[in-house]
Amino acid sequence: MPTWSPTSTRPRERGIADEDILHVYRNPIRVFTDQGDWELTTHIGLAADGVTLLEGGFATSDDGKVVIVHAMTTRPKYLK
């Protein structure tokens, strides 16, 4: 089960509920690896409502835990 990054508050500031980002993590429609300057994996998927398309950024910490570092409504670049 992924945990929230202690240094990242943006997903919650954007109004993305915990249950929605966890749903995206567990049920991705598409997965993009190696996003950004470090090993970030972006999942594209539906929120728990089955309608809202979201993107979530996940990284693996040094101790092997999956950490949520990003969440928002899906940007057009991931819809191509």
Protein backbone atom coordinates (compact mmCIF):
# COMPACT_ATOMS: atom_id res chain seq x y z
CA MET A 1 0.00 0.00 0.00
CA PRO A 2 1.53 3.35 -0.96
CA THR A 3 2.01 6.09 1.59
CA TRP A 4 1.99 9.86 1.15
CA SER A 5 5.31 11.60 0.85
CA PRO A 6 5.85 13.62 4.02
CA THR A 7 7.21 16.50 1.93
CA SER A 8 4.45 16.57 -0.69
CA THR A 9 1.19 18.32 0.17
CA ARG A 10 0.18 19.18 -3.40
CA PRO A 11 -2.06 16.16 -4.03
CA ARG A 12 -4.25 17.11 -1.10
CA GLU A 13 -4.07 20.82 -1.95
CA ARG A 14 -5.52 19.95 -5.36
CA GLY A 15 -8.49 18.28 -3.70
CA ILE A 16 -7.64 14.70 -4.66
CA ALA A 17 -9.05 12.32 -2.04
CA ASP A 18 -6.89 9.54 -0.64
CA GLU A 19 -9.33 6.87 -1.86
CA ASP A 20 -9.16 8.28 -5.41
CA ILE A 21 -5.38 8.25 -5.71
CA LEU A 22 -5.21 4.77 -4.19
CA HIS A 23 -7.79 3.64 -6.76
CA VAL A 24 -5.59 5.03 -9.56
CA TYR A 25 -2.56 3.24 -8.10
CA ARG A 26 -4.37 -0.11 -7.92
CA ASN A 27 -6.27 0.20 -11.24
CA PRO A 28 -4.16 2.09 -13.79
CA ILE A 29 -5.33 2.42 -17.37
CA ARG A 30 -1.83 3.44 -18.49
CA VAL A 31 1.55 3.51 -16.78
CA PHE A 32 4.44 5.82 -17.71
CA THR A 33 7.84 5.00 -16.20
CA ASP A 34 10.90 7.20 -15.72
CA GLN A 35 9.01 10.50 -15.53
CA GLY A 36 11.19 13.41 -14.43
CA ASP A 37 14.69 13.60 -13.02
CA TRP A 38 14.26 10.61 -10.71
CA GLU A 39 12.48 7.30 -10.84
CA LEU A 40 8.87 8.44 -10.89
CA THR A 41 6.12 6.27 -12.30
CA THR A 42 2.92 7.98 -13.40
CA HIS A 43 -0.35 6.06 -13.41
CA ILE A 44 -3.37 7.27 -15.35
CA GLY A 45 -6.69 5.95 -14.14
CA LEU A 46 -10.17 6.64 -12.93
CA ALA A 47 -11.05 7.99 -9.51
CA ALA A 48 -13.25 5.82 -7.31
CA ASP A 49 -16.33 7.45 -8.90
CA GLY A 50 -15.45 5.71 -12.18
CA VAL A 51 -15.74 8.98 -14.12
CA THR A 52 -12.93 11.39 -13.18
CA LEU A 53 -9.62 10.71 -14.95
CA LEU A 54 -6.61 11.29 -12.70
CA GLU A 55 -2.85 11.00 -12.83
CA GLY A 56 -0.79 9.90 -9.87
CA GLY A 57 2.97 9.98 -9.43
CA PHE A 58 4.59 7.21 -7.41
CA ALA A 59 8.19 6.64 -6.39
CA THR A 60 9.92 3.86 -4.49
CA SER A 61 11.79 4.94 -1.37
CA ASP A 62 15.19 3.60 -0.39
CA ASP A 63 13.52 1.10 1.93
CA GLY A 64 11.32 -0.22 -0.91
CA LYS A 65 8.03 1.45 0.03
CA VAL A 66 5.87 3.07 -2.65
CA VAL A 67 5.36 6.77 -1.95
CA ILE A 68 2.69 9.03 -3.47
CA VAL A 69 4.37 12.24 -4.61
CA HIS A 70 1.89 13.67 -7.11
CA ALA A 71 -1.84 13.60 -7.93
CA MET A 72 -4.10 15.75 -10.09
CA THR A 73 -6.61 15.58 -12.91
CA THR A 74 -4.95 14.13 -15.98
CA ARG A 75 -3.05 16.56 -18.19
CA PRO A 76 -3.50 16.44 -21.99
CA LYS A 77 0.04 15.11 -22.58
CA TYR A 78 -1.01 11.77 -21.04
CA LEU A 79 -4.15 11.50 -23.17
CA LYS A 80 -2.35 11.00 -26.49
